[in-house]
Amino acid sequence: MTRLARHYVPEQPQHVILQGLTGPAFLDEGDYLYFLACLADAARVADLAVHAWVLMPDAVQLLVTPSYESSVAMAMQAVGRRYVETFNGRHGRRGIVWRGGYSAK
């Protein structure tokens, strides 16, 4: 079954969810802080307003408002690339950290 296309309406808040693949996506305080730094940088570049976040050991939930149709996708892609590379390097791991892509509602 193919994935349904994501529909974005600029200037409308969205609830974004990332699920960890297996085990925790954050192992220590440094991981949480680095994820937030990655998110802040990506949000600034993608013109994405981040209103609230919840970082759990195996999941992330965000409340964001995109300025453009592509703002959420650009930001989440940038966060994923940057965070996963550093997370794997710090903890001697390989492969993906998140289960599939993100979901946004």
N, C-alpha and C. Protein backbone atom coordinates (compact mmCIF):
# COMPACT_ATOMS: atom_id res chain seq x y z
N MET A 1 0.85 -1.18 0.00
CA MET A 1 0.00 0.00 0.00
C MET A 1 0.89 1.24 0.00
N THR A 2 0.61 2.16 -0.86
CA THR A 2 1.41 3.37 -0.93
C THR A 2 1.01 4.33 0.18
N ARG A 3 1.97 5.13 0.55
CA ARG A 3 1.72 6.12 1.60
C ARG A 3 0.88 7.26 1.03
N LEU A 4 -0.07 7.73 1.80
CA LEU A 4 -0.88 8.86 1.37
C LEU A 4 -0.04 10.13 1.39
N ALA A 5 -0.28 11.00 0.44
CA ALA A 5 0.44 12.26 0.39
C ALA A 5 0.09 13.11 1.60
N ARG A 6 1.08 13.81 2.12
CA ARG A 6 0.83 14.71 3.24
C ARG A 6 0.24 16.01 2.70
N HIS A 7 -0.70 16.55 3.41
CA HIS A 7 -1.34 17.79 2.99
C HIS A 7 -1.01 18.87 4.02
N TYR A 8 -0.48 19.98 3.56
CA TYR A 8 -0.10 21.07 4.45
C TYR A 8 -0.82 22.34 4.07
N VAL A 9 -1.25 23.05 5.06
CA VAL A 9 -1.84 24.35 4.86
C VAL A 9 -0.94 25.35 5.59
N PRO A 10 -0.25 26.21 4.84
CA PRO A 10 0.63 27.19 5.50
C PRO A 10 -0.14 28.01 6.53
N GLU A 11 0.55 28.34 7.59
CA GLU A 11 0.02 29.16 8.69
C GLU A 11 -1.03 28.44 9.54
N GLN A 12 -1.13 27.12 9.42
CA GLN A 12 -2.03 26.32 10.25
C GLN A 12 -1.19 25.41 11.14
N PRO A 13 -1.41 25.41 12.45
CA PRO A 13 -0.63 24.56 13.35
C PRO A 13 -0.76 23.08 13.00
N GLN A 14 0.33 22.35 13.21
CA GLN A 14 0.35 20.92 12.94
C GLN A 14 0.98 20.19 14.11
N HIS A 15 0.48 19.00 14.37
CA HIS A 15 1.03 18.12 15.39
C HIS A 15 1.91 17.11 14.65
N VAL A 16 3.21 17.14 14.92
CA VAL A 16 4.17 16.27 14.24
C VAL A 16 4.66 15.22 15.23
N ILE A 17 4.71 13.96 14.78
CA ILE A 17 5.13 12.86 15.64
C ILE A 17 6.23 12.06 14.95
N LEU A 18 7.30 11.80 15.69
CA LEU A 18 8.39 10.90 15.27
C LEU A 18 8.43 9.75 16.26
N GLN A 19 8.45 8.53 15.79
CA GLN A 19 8.53 7.36 16.65
C GLN A 19 9.90 6.72 16.50
N GLY A 20 10.49 6.32 17.62
CA GLY A 20 11.76 5.60 17.58
C GLY A 20 11.55 4.24 16.93
N LEU A 21 12.58 3.74 16.25
CA LEU A 21 12.48 2.47 15.55
C LEU A 21 12.44 1.31 16.54
N THR A 22 13.52 1.10 17.23
CA THR A 22 13.59 0.07 18.28
C THR A 22 14.44 0.64 19.39
N GLY A 23 13.93 0.62 20.56
CA GLY A 23 14.69 1.18 21.67
C GLY A 23 14.64 2.69 21.66
N PRO A 24 15.37 3.29 22.58
CA PRO A 24 15.30 4.74 22.72
C PRO A 24 16.03 5.50 21.60
N ALA A 25 15.50 6.66 21.29
CA ALA A 25 16.12 7.57 20.33
C ALA A 25 16.98 8.60 21.06
N PHE A 26 16.87 8.62 22.38
CA PHE A 26 17.66 9.52 23.23
C PHE A 26 18.23 8.68 24.37
N LEU A 27 19.55 8.67 24.51
CA LEU A 27 20.17 7.85 25.55
C LEU A 27 20.70 8.66 26.72
N ASP A 28 20.92 9.96 26.51
CA ASP A 28 21.41 10.79 27.61
C ASP A 28 20.99 12.24 27.37
N GLU A 29 21.30 13.09 28.33
CA GLU A 29 20.89 14.50 28.23
C GLU A 29 21.48 15.18 27.00
N GLY A 30 22.69 14.80 26.63
CA GLY A 30 23.33 15.37 25.45
C GLY A 30 22.53 15.12 24.18
N ASP A 31 21.90 13.95 24.10
CA ASP A 31 21.07 13.64 22.93
C ASP A 31 19.87 14.58 22.85
N TYR A 32 19.21 14.78 23.98
CA TYR A 32 18.05 15.69 24.01
C TYR A 32 18.46 17.11 23.59
N LEU A 33 19.56 17.59 24.16
CA LEU A 33 20.02 18.95 23.85
C LEU A 33 20.43 19.09 22.39
N TYR A 34 21.10 18.07 21.88
CA TYR A 34 21.53 18.13 20.48
C TYR A 34 20.33 18.09 19.54
N PHE A 35 19.33 17.28 19.85
CA PHE A 35 18.12 17.24 19.03
C PHE A 35 17.46 18.62 18.98
N LEU A 36 17.35 19.27 20.13
CA LEU A 36 16.74 20.60 20.18
C LEU A 36 17.55 21.61 19.38
N ALA A 37 18.88 21.50 19.41
CA ALA A 37 19.72 22.40 18.61
C ALA A 37 19.50 22.15 17.12
N CYS A 38 19.41 20.88 16.73
CA CYS A 38 19.14 20.54 15.34
C CYS A 38 17.78 21.07 14.91
N LEU A 39 16.80 20.92 15.78
CA LEU A 39 15.44 21.40 15.49
C LEU A 39 15.43 22.92 15.34
N ALA A 40 16.10 23.63 16.22
CA ALA A 40 16.12 25.09 16.16
C ALA A 40 16.75 25.57 14.85
N ASP A 41 17.87 24.96 14.46
CA ASP A 41 18.54 25.35 13.22
C ASP A 41 17.66 25.05 12.00
N ALA A 42 17.09 23.86 11.96
CA ALA A 42 16.26 23.47 10.82
C ALA A 42 15.01 24.33 10.73
N ALA A 43 14.41 24.63 11.87
CA ALA A 43 13.20 25.46 11.87
C ALA A 43 13.49 26.87 11.36
N ARG A 44 14.64 27.40 11.74
CA ARG A 44 15.02 28.73 11.28
C ARG A 44 15.19 28.74 9.75
N VAL A 45 15.88 27.74 9.21
CA VAL A 45 16.12 27.68 7.77
C VAL A 45 14.82 27.43 7.00
N ALA A 46 13.95 26.58 7.53
CA ALA A 46 12.71 26.21 6.82
C ALA A 46 11.56 27.16 7.12
N ASP A 47 11.78 28.17 7.95
CA ASP A 47 10.74 29.12 8.33
C ASP A 47 9.55 28.39 8.95
N LEU A 48 9.87 27.60 9.99
CA LEU A 48 8.89 26.80 10.71
C LEU A 48 8.84 27.28 12.14
N ALA A 49 7.69 27.70 12.60
CA ALA A 49 7.53 28.13 14.00
C ALA A 49 7.29 26.90 14.86
N VAL A 50 8.13 26.72 15.88
CA VAL A 50 7.97 25.60 16.81
C VAL A 50 7.40 26.17 18.11
N HIS A 51 6.17 25.76 18.45
CA HIS A 51 5.49 26.29 19.62
C HIS A 51 5.71 25.45 20.87
N ALA A 52 5.78 24.14 20.70
CA ALA A 52 5.93 23.25 21.85
C ALA A 52 6.55 21.95 21.38
N TRP A 53 7.21 21.27 22.31
CA TRP A 53 7.78 19.97 22.00
C TRP A 53 7.74 19.10 23.24
N VAL A 54 7.68 17.80 22.98
CA VAL A 54 7.79 16.79 24.02
C VAL A 54 8.81 15.78 23.50
N LEU A 55 9.89 15.63 24.23
CA LEU A 55 10.92 14.65 23.87
C LEU A 55 10.85 13.51 24.87
N MET A 56 10.48 12.34 24.39
CA MET A 56 10.41 11.15 25.23
C MET A 56 11.54 10.22 24.78
N PRO A 57 11.93 9.27 25.59
CA PRO A 57 13.04 8.40 25.19
C PRO A 57 12.86 7.74 23.82
N ASP A 58 11.62 7.41 23.45
CA ASP A 58 11.41 6.71 22.19
C ASP A 58 10.51 7.45 21.20
N ALA A 59 10.24 8.73 21.43
CA ALA A 59 9.37 9.48 20.52
C ALA A 59 9.54 10.98 20.72
N VAL A 60 9.11 11.71 19.70
CA VAL A 60 9.11 13.18 19.73
C VAL A 60 7.75 13.64 19.26
N GLN A 61 7.20 14.63 19.93
CA GLN A 61 5.97 15.28 19.46
C GLN A 61 6.22 16.77 19.43
N LEU A 62 5.79 17.40 18.34
CA LEU A 62 6.01 18.82 18.13
C LEU A 62 4.69 19.50 17.76
N LEU A 63 4.53 20.73 18.17
CA LEU A 63 3.44 21.57 17.69
C LEU A 63 4.11 22.68 16.90
N VAL A 64 3.87 22.70 15.61
CA VAL A 64 4.56 23.64 14.72
C VAL A 64 3.57 24.33 13.80
N THR A 65 3.99 25.46 13.26
CA THR A 65 3.22 26.15 12.24
C THR A 65 4.15 26.44 11.07
N PRO A 66 3.87 25.83 9.91
CA PRO A 66 4.71 26.06 8.73
C PRO A 66 4.35 27.37 8.03
N SER A 67 5.36 28.05 7.55
CA SER A 67 5.12 29.27 6.77
C SER A 67 4.85 28.93 5.31
N TYR A 68 5.40 27.81 4.87
CA TYR A 68 5.26 27.38 3.47
C TYR A 68 4.82 25.92 3.45
N GLU A 69 4.34 25.47 2.32
CA GLU A 69 3.89 24.09 2.19
C GLU A 69 5.01 23.10 2.50
N SER A 70 6.24 23.45 2.18
CA SER A 70 7.36 22.53 2.36
C SER A 70 8.11 22.73 3.68
N SER A 71 7.69 23.63 4.52
CA SER A 71 8.44 23.94 5.75
C SER A 71 8.62 22.74 6.67
N VAL A 72 7.55 21.99 6.91
CA VAL A 72 7.65 20.85 7.83
C VAL A 72 8.58 19.78 7.25
N ALA A 73 8.37 19.44 5.99
CA ALA A 73 9.19 18.40 5.36
C ALA A 73 10.67 18.78 5.35
N MET A 74 10.96 20.03 4.99
CA MET A 74 12.36 20.47 4.96
C MET A 74 13.00 20.39 6.34
N ALA A 75 12.29 20.86 7.35
CA ALA A 75 12.84 20.87 8.70
C ALA A 75 13.03 19.45 9.22
N MET A 76 12.05 18.59 9.05
CA MET A 76 12.16 17.23 9.58
C MET A 76 13.25 16.43 8.87
N GLN A 77 13.41 16.66 7.58
CA GLN A 77 14.48 15.99 6.84
C GLN A 77 15.84 16.45 7.35
N ALA A 78 16.00 17.74 7.56
CA ALA A 78 17.27 18.27 8.05
C ALA A 78 17.58 17.77 9.45
N VAL A 79 16.59 17.76 10.33
CA VAL A 79 16.78 17.26 11.69
C VAL A 79 17.17 15.79 11.65
N GLY A 80 16.45 15.01 10.86
CA GLY A 80 16.73 13.58 10.78
C GLY A 80 18.14 13.29 10.33
N ARG A 81 18.58 13.93 9.29
CA ARG A 81 19.93 13.68 8.78
C ARG A 81 20.99 14.04 9.82
N ARG A 82 20.88 15.22 10.35
CA ARG A 82 21.91 15.72 11.26
C ARG A 82 21.91 14.96 12.59
N TYR A 83 20.74 14.76 13.17
CA TYR A 83 20.67 14.11 14.48
C TYR A 83 21.11 12.65 14.41
N VAL A 84 20.60 11.91 13.43
CA VAL A 84 20.89 10.48 13.35
C VAL A 84 22.38 10.23 13.15
N GLU A 85 23.02 11.01 12.31
CA GLU A 85 24.45 10.83 12.08
C GLU A 85 25.24 11.02 13.37
N THR A 86 24.92 12.07 14.12
CA THR A 86 25.63 12.34 15.37
C THR A 86 25.27 11.32 16.44
N PHE A 87 24.00 10.97 16.55
CA PHE A 87 23.55 9.98 17.54
C PHE A 87 24.28 8.65 17.32
N ASN A 88 24.31 8.18 16.08
CA ASN A 88 24.98 6.92 15.78
C ASN A 88 26.47 6.99 16.07
N GLY A 89 27.10 8.10 15.73
CA GLY A 89 28.53 8.26 16.01
C GLY A 89 28.83 8.27 17.49
N ARG A 90 28.03 8.98 18.26
CA ARG A 90 28.25 9.08 19.72
C ARG A 90 28.07 7.74 20.42
N HIS A 91 27.14 6.93 19.92
CA HIS A 91 26.78 5.70 20.63
C HIS A 91 27.23 4.43 19.91
N GLY A 92 28.08 4.58 18.90
CA GLY A 92 28.61 3.40 18.20
C GLY A 92 27.54 2.57 17.51
N ARG A 93 26.56 3.24 16.96
CA ARG A 93 25.47 2.54 16.28
C ARG A 93 25.50 2.82 14.79
N ARG A 94 24.69 2.08 14.05
CA ARG A 94 24.53 2.29 12.62
C ARG A 94 23.06 2.21 12.28
N GLY A 95 22.70 2.78 11.16
CA GLY A 95 21.33 2.65 10.66
C GLY A 95 20.41 3.76 11.13
N ILE A 96 19.13 3.51 10.94
CA ILE A 96 18.13 4.52 11.22
C ILE A 96 17.74 4.53 12.70
N VAL A 97 17.20 5.64 13.14
CA VAL A 97 16.75 5.80 14.52
C VAL A 97 15.23 5.88 14.57
N TRP A 98 14.64 6.48 13.55
CA TRP A 98 13.19 6.72 13.55
C TRP A 98 12.45 5.67 12.73
N ARG A 99 11.25 5.34 13.16
CA ARG A 99 10.38 4.38 12.48
C ARG A 99 9.72 5.08 11.31
N GLY A 100 10.18 4.79 10.11
CA GLY A 100 9.61 5.43 8.93
C GLY A 100 9.84 6.93 8.98
N GLY A 101 8.96 7.67 8.38
CA GLY A 101 9.03 9.13 8.44
C GLY A 101 8.22 9.65 9.61
N TYR A 102 8.00 10.91 9.60
CA TYR A 102 7.20 11.54 10.64
C TYR A 102 5.74 11.51 10.22
N SER A 103 4.86 11.70 11.16
CA SER A 103 3.44 11.90 10.82
C SER A 103 3.04 13.28 11.28
N ALA A 104 2.17 13.90 10.54
CA ALA A 104 1.70 15.25 10.86
C ALA A 104 0.20 15.29 10.68
N LYS A 105 -0.45 15.90 11.66
CA LYS A 105 -1.92 15.98 11.58
C LYS A 105 -2.37 17.40 11.85
